[in-house]
């Protein structure tokens, strides 16, 4: 092979490598579960004080700890609206257009996810069970491809996650979850699903324990259920503070009756 052909071959391989790195970077930034730098909307800055963060030093143990805490934070029975670890959007004045839009979304969602009543179909289509070994009131089957697409466009029939209840024989489909990157404004959220009908939420004010102390940490202080809710208190405890984790989320239960139940925070029997 001539020197020129060798150089061209190397250049092509280098270009492909950088192209792959670029695509992966874009996917990670767009995926709701990825902790990318972001600019939060003014309302969230005032209430939850989220700041730009790349979450340095967060390893896989940290990820699992924060994910487990997030699942617990979404468990029915606690006061979501007053949780220091959850920022909720404010309800807007409802309009006839909002009601029509909300009903259209629920109708399209039912049509789009009907095939996933068989959870095996969801798994075959690339949905991954989120923390399957941790008991949960609802199990999130997440499509990271859909999560990426949701950061760009909105298709009511294409949710990021499917919501299932565990049954003796498998899983029962009860709803779905839409997501947007945490940099999204409340006006952008409202364009997706009206804020007069649904409440979007962010998980906030996460203080992780010092590196290497996840197993021995006092989880009454750390995590999304812990008592530490400020950066100063987290620093005093030797922890690592993250104002916002994951992205915006909202649940929809299209098999329920009435918009209040369809767009509830949790599935209620």
Protein backbone atom coordinates (compact mmCIF):
# COMPACT_ATOMS: atom_id res chain seq x y z
CA UNK A 1 0.00 0.00 0.00
CA UNK A 2 1.40 3.43 -0.96
CA UNK A 3 2.12 6.08 1.64
CA UNK A 4 -0.67 8.24 0.23
CA UNK A 5 -3.23 5.43 0.47
CA UNK A 6 -2.07 4.64 4.01
CA UNK A 7 -2.56 8.27 5.06
CA UNK A 8 -6.02 8.39 3.47
CA UNK A 9 -6.96 5.15 5.23
CA UNK A 10 -5.82 6.50 8.60
CA UNK A 11 -7.62 9.79 7.99
CA UNK A 12 -10.86 7.97 7.20
CA UNK A 13 -10.60 5.87 10.36
CA UNK A 14 -9.87 8.98 12.44
CA UNK A 15 -12.88 10.75 10.95
CA UNK A 16 -15.12 7.81 11.75
CA UNK A 17 -13.82 7.71 15.33
CA UNK A 18 -14.48 11.41 15.93
CA UNK A 19 -17.88 11.07 14.29
CA UNK A 20 -18.79 8.22 16.63
CA UNK A 21 -17.59 10.21 19.65
CA UNK A 22 -19.69 13.17 18.55
CA UNK A 23 -22.84 11.05 18.15
CA UNK A 24 -22.37 9.39 21.55
CA UNK A 25 -21.82 12.79 23.17
CA UNK A 26 -25.02 14.16 21.65
CA UNK A 27 -26.96 11.10 22.78
CA UNK A 28 -25.68 11.38 26.34
CA UNK A 29 -26.45 15.08 26.59
CA UNK A 30 -29.96 14.55 25.26
CA UNK A 31 -30.81 11.45 27.29
CA UNK A 32 -32.90 12.50 30.32
CA UNK A 33 -30.95 10.29 32.72
CA UNK A 34 -27.63 11.83 31.78
CA UNK A 35 -26.28 14.57 34.00
CA UNK A 36 -25.26 17.19 31.46
CA UNK A 37 -24.61 20.92 31.98
CA UNK A 38 -27.85 22.86 31.75
CA UNK A 39 -29.48 26.22 32.34
CA UNK A 40 -32.61 25.92 34.45
CA UNK A 41 -35.67 28.09 34.04
CA UNK A 42 -36.12 31.03 36.47
CA UNK A 43 -38.96 29.42 38.42
CA UNK A 44 -36.89 26.36 39.21
CA UNK A 45 -33.88 28.50 40.08
CA UNK A 46 -35.94 30.35 42.65
CA UNK A 47 -37.47 27.26 44.23
CA UNK A 48 -35.02 24.40 43.86
CA UNK A 49 -31.90 26.46 43.02
CA UNK A 50 -30.64 24.14 40.30
CA UNK A 51 -27.31 25.13 38.78
CA UNK A 52 -25.27 23.99 35.81
CA UNK A 53 -23.40 20.82 36.60
CA UNK A 54 -21.60 18.01 34.83
CA UNK A 55 -21.70 15.96 38.04
CA UNK A 56 -17.97 15.21 38.18
CA UNK A 57 -16.90 12.22 40.22
CA UNK A 58 -20.20 10.40 39.94
CA UNK A 59 -19.39 6.73 39.39
CA UNK A 60 -21.71 3.78 38.77
CA UNK A 61 -22.22 3.33 42.50
CA UNK A 62 -23.37 6.94 42.73
CA UNK A 63 -25.68 6.43 39.78
CA UNK A 64 -27.36 3.42 41.39
CA UNK A 65 -27.67 5.21 44.72
CA UNK A 66 -29.31 8.26 43.17
CA UNK A 67 -31.54 6.14 40.94
CA UNK A 68 -32.73 4.06 43.90
CA UNK A 69 -33.43 7.22 45.87
CA UNK A 70 -35.35 8.67 42.93
CA UNK A 71 -37.53 5.58 42.79
CA UNK A 72 -38.24 5.94 46.52
CA UNK A 73 -38.91 9.66 46.04
CA UNK A 74 -41.60 8.80 43.47
CA UNK A 75 -43.32 6.35 45.81
CA UNK A 76 -46.93 7.34 46.65
CA UNK A 77 -47.68 8.37 50.19
CA UNK A 78 -45.38 11.33 50.77
CA UNK A 79 -46.15 14.98 50.10
CA UNK A 80 -44.65 15.51 46.65
CA UNK A 81 -45.44 19.20 46.43
CA UNK A 82 -43.53 20.00 49.60
CA UNK A 83 -40.57 17.73 49.04
CA UNK A 84 -37.27 19.56 49.11
CA UNK A 85 -35.95 16.94 46.73
CA UNK A 86 -38.59 17.45 44.07
CA UNK A 87 -39.44 20.58 42.12
CA UNK A 88 -42.96 20.64 40.69
CA UNK A 89 -44.27 22.91 37.97
CA UNK A 90 -47.07 25.26 38.98
CA UNK A 91 -50.56 24.58 37.72
CA UNK A 92 -51.72 27.10 35.14
CA UNK A 93 -55.22 28.36 34.42
CA UNK A 94 -57.05 25.73 32.41
CA UNK A 95 -58.47 26.52 28.99
CA UNK A 96 -60.74 24.56 26.64
CA UNK A 97 -57.77 24.21 24.30
CA UNK A 98 -55.74 22.63 27.09
CA UNK A 99 -58.47 20.10 27.80
CA UNK A 100 -58.76 19.20 24.13
CA UNK A 101 -55.00 18.85 23.82
CA UNK A 102 -54.74 16.70 26.96
CA UNK A 103 -57.47 14.38 25.70
CA UNK A 104 -55.77 14.09 22.31
CA UNK A 105 -52.47 13.17 23.98
CA UNK A 106 -54.15 10.45 26.06
CA UNK A 107 -55.90 9.04 23.00
CA UNK A 108 -52.71 8.95 20.94
CA UNK A 109 -50.79 7.43 23.84
CA UNK A 110 -53.32 4.62 24.27
CA UNK A 111 -53.06 3.82 20.58
CA UNK A 112 -49.26 3.96 20.60
CA UNK A 113 -48.59 1.75 23.60
CA UNK A 114 -51.43 -0.75 23.30
CA UNK A 115 -49.10 -3.42 21.90
CA UNK A 116 -46.95 -3.13 25.03
CA UNK A 117 -49.65 -4.63 27.24
CA UNK A 118 -47.54 -7.69 26.57
CA UNK A 119 -44.36 -6.57 28.31
CA UNK A 120 -42.33 -9.04 26.26
CA UNK A 121 -43.04 -6.85 23.23
CA UNK A 122 -41.64 -3.85 25.08
CA UNK A 123 -38.47 -5.74 25.92
CA UNK A 124 -38.14 -6.88 22.31
CA UNK A 125 -38.50 -3.26 21.16
CA UNK A 126 -35.57 -2.18 23.30
CA UNK A 127 -37.24 -0.98 26.50
CA UNK A 128 -35.05 -1.71 29.55
CA UNK A 129 -36.42 -2.38 33.03
CA UNK A 130 -35.21 0.36 35.39
CA UNK A 131 -33.84 -1.19 38.62
CA UNK A 132 -35.77 -4.49 38.25
CA UNK A 133 -34.47 -5.93 41.53
CA UNK A 134 -35.74 -3.07 43.70
CA UNK A 135 -39.40 -3.38 44.79
CA UNK A 136 -41.38 -0.50 43.30
CA UNK A 137 -45.04 0.52 43.04
CA UNK A 138 -44.39 1.10 39.33
CA UNK A 139 -41.59 -0.22 37.18
CA UNK A 140 -40.21 2.02 34.45
CA UNK A 141 -39.37 0.28 31.19
CA UNK A 142 -37.23 2.91 29.47
CA UNK A 143 -36.30 3.38 25.83
CA UNK A 144 -33.16 5.53 25.66
CA UNK A 145 -33.74 5.93 21.94
CA UNK A 146 -37.15 7.43 22.68
CA UNK A 147 -35.60 9.61 25.36
CA UNK A 148 -33.20 11.04 22.81
CA UNK A 149 -36.00 11.62 20.30
CA UNK A 150 -38.13 13.27 23.00
CA UNK A 151 -35.42 15.88 23.49
CA UNK A 152 -35.89 16.89 19.84
CA UNK A 153 -39.55 16.32 18.97
CA UNK A 154 -42.74 15.26 20.70
CA UNK A 155 -44.85 12.31 19.61
CA UNK A 156 -47.56 11.45 22.19
CA UNK A 157 -47.52 7.85 20.98
CA UNK A 158 -43.78 7.52 21.69
CA UNK A 159 -43.10 7.93 25.45
CA UNK A 160 -39.64 7.61 26.96
CA UNK A 161 -40.82 5.06 29.53
CA UNK A 162 -43.65 2.60 29.99
CA UNK A 163 -45.07 2.19 33.50
CA UNK A 164 -45.92 -1.28 34.76
CA UNK A 165 -47.24 -2.81 37.97
CA UNK A 166 -45.71 -6.10 39.04
CA UNK A 167 -48.09 -9.06 38.95
CA UNK A 168 -47.67 -12.73 39.94
CA UNK A 169 -47.21 -13.60 36.27
CA UNK A 170 -45.21 -10.63 35.02
CA UNK A 171 -46.08 -6.96 34.51
CA UNK A 172 -49.31 -5.05 33.86
CA UNK A 173 -49.12 -1.89 31.73
CA UNK A 174 -50.70 1.09 33.52
CA UNK A 175 -49.19 4.17 31.91
CA UNK A 176 -46.22 5.96 30.45
CA UNK A 177 -43.75 8.74 31.17
CA UNK A 178 -42.72 11.63 28.97
CA UNK A 179 -39.39 13.38 29.50
CA UNK A 180 -37.55 16.52 28.49
CA UNK A 181 -33.97 17.63 29.21
CA UNK A 182 -33.61 19.57 32.45
CA UNK A 183 -32.63 22.68 30.49
CA UNK A 184 -36.21 22.94 29.15
CA UNK A 185 -38.32 25.90 30.29
CA UNK A 186 -41.80 25.58 31.71
CA UNK A 187 -43.20 27.19 28.56
CA UNK A 188 -41.58 24.39 26.55
CA UNK A 189 -43.04 21.80 28.90
CA UNK A 190 -46.44 23.44 28.50
CA UNK A 191 -46.19 23.08 24.74
CA UNK A 192 -45.75 19.33 25.20
CA UNK A 193 -48.34 18.60 27.88
CA UNK A 194 -50.43 21.51 29.23
CA UNK A 195 -49.36 22.63 32.70
CA UNK A 196 -52.99 23.33 33.55
CA UNK A 197 -53.60 19.58 33.39
CA UNK A 198 -50.29 17.86 34.19
CA UNK A 199 -47.45 18.58 36.59
CA UNK A 200 -43.88 17.99 35.44
CA UNK A 201 -41.22 17.36 38.08
CA UNK A 202 -37.48 17.43 38.62
CA UNK A 203 -35.47 15.58 41.26
CA UNK A 204 -33.38 18.16 43.09
CA UNK A 205 -30.92 18.86 45.89
CA UNK A 206 -29.06 15.56 45.89
CA UNK A 207 -26.24 15.21 48.41
CA UNK A 208 -24.20 12.09 47.79
CA UNK A 209 -21.91 10.75 50.52
CA UNK A 210 -18.13 10.96 50.23
CA UNK A 211 -16.48 8.72 47.66
CA UNK A 212 -16.04 5.19 48.94
CA UNK A 213 -18.69 5.55 51.64
CA UNK A 214 -21.86 4.56 49.79
CA UNK A 215 -22.29 1.33 51.73
CA UNK A 216 -21.71 2.86 55.16
CA UNK A 217 -23.43 6.22 54.54
CA UNK A 218 -26.26 7.51 56.71
CA UNK A 219 -29.07 7.59 54.15
CA UNK A 220 -31.30 9.53 56.51
CA UNK A 221 -29.00 12.45 55.66
CA UNK A 222 -27.83 11.67 52.13
CA UNK A 223 -29.75 10.95 48.94
CA UNK A 224 -33.08 12.13 47.58
CA UNK A 225 -34.83 11.07 50.79
CA UNK A 226 -32.19 12.53 53.09
CA UNK A 227 -32.39 15.55 55.36
CA UNK A 228 -29.56 17.43 53.63
CA UNK A 229 -31.06 19.85 51.12
CA UNK A 230 -28.45 22.62 50.72
CA UNK A 231 -24.98 22.76 49.24
CA UNK A 232 -23.52 24.22 52.46
CA UNK A 233 -24.94 21.41 54.60
CA UNK A 234 -23.70 18.86 52.08
CA UNK A 235 -20.20 20.34 52.16
CA UNK A 236 -20.18 20.26 55.97
CA UNK A 237 -21.07 16.56 55.82
CA UNK A 238 -18.26 15.93 53.35
CA UNK A 239 -20.71 15.07 50.60
CA UNK A 240 -21.06 16.00 46.95
CA UNK A 241 -23.98 18.24 46.04
CA UNK A 242 -25.94 18.10 42.77
CA UNK A 243 -28.76 20.64 42.39
CA UNK A 244 -30.61 18.67 39.70
CA UNK A 245 -30.48 15.02 38.64
CA UNK A 246 -32.08 13.40 35.62
CA UNK A 247 -34.45 15.54 33.52
CA UNK A 248 -38.06 16.69 33.50
CA UNK A 249 -40.65 13.92 33.85
CA UNK A 250 -44.43 13.62 33.80
CA UNK A 251 -46.61 10.52 34.12
CA UNK A 252 -49.73 9.74 32.11
CA UNK A 253 -52.21 6.94 32.87
CA UNK A 254 -54.34 6.76 29.70
CA UNK A 255 -56.46 3.81 30.88
CA UNK A 256 -57.95 5.85 33.73
CA UNK A 257 -61.15 7.89 33.56
CA UNK A 258 -61.03 11.67 33.88
CA UNK A 259 -58.10 14.00 33.24
CA UNK A 260 -57.30 14.33 36.96
CA UNK A 261 -56.65 10.58 37.11
CA UNK A 262 -55.03 10.32 33.69
CA UNK A 263 -52.46 13.00 34.55
CA UNK A 264 -51.98 12.08 38.21
CA UNK A 265 -48.51 11.87 39.77
CA UNK A 266 -48.99 8.18 40.57
CA UNK A 267 -51.21 5.33 39.49
CA UNK A 268 -53.98 4.83 42.02
CA UNK A 269 -56.11 1.68 42.15
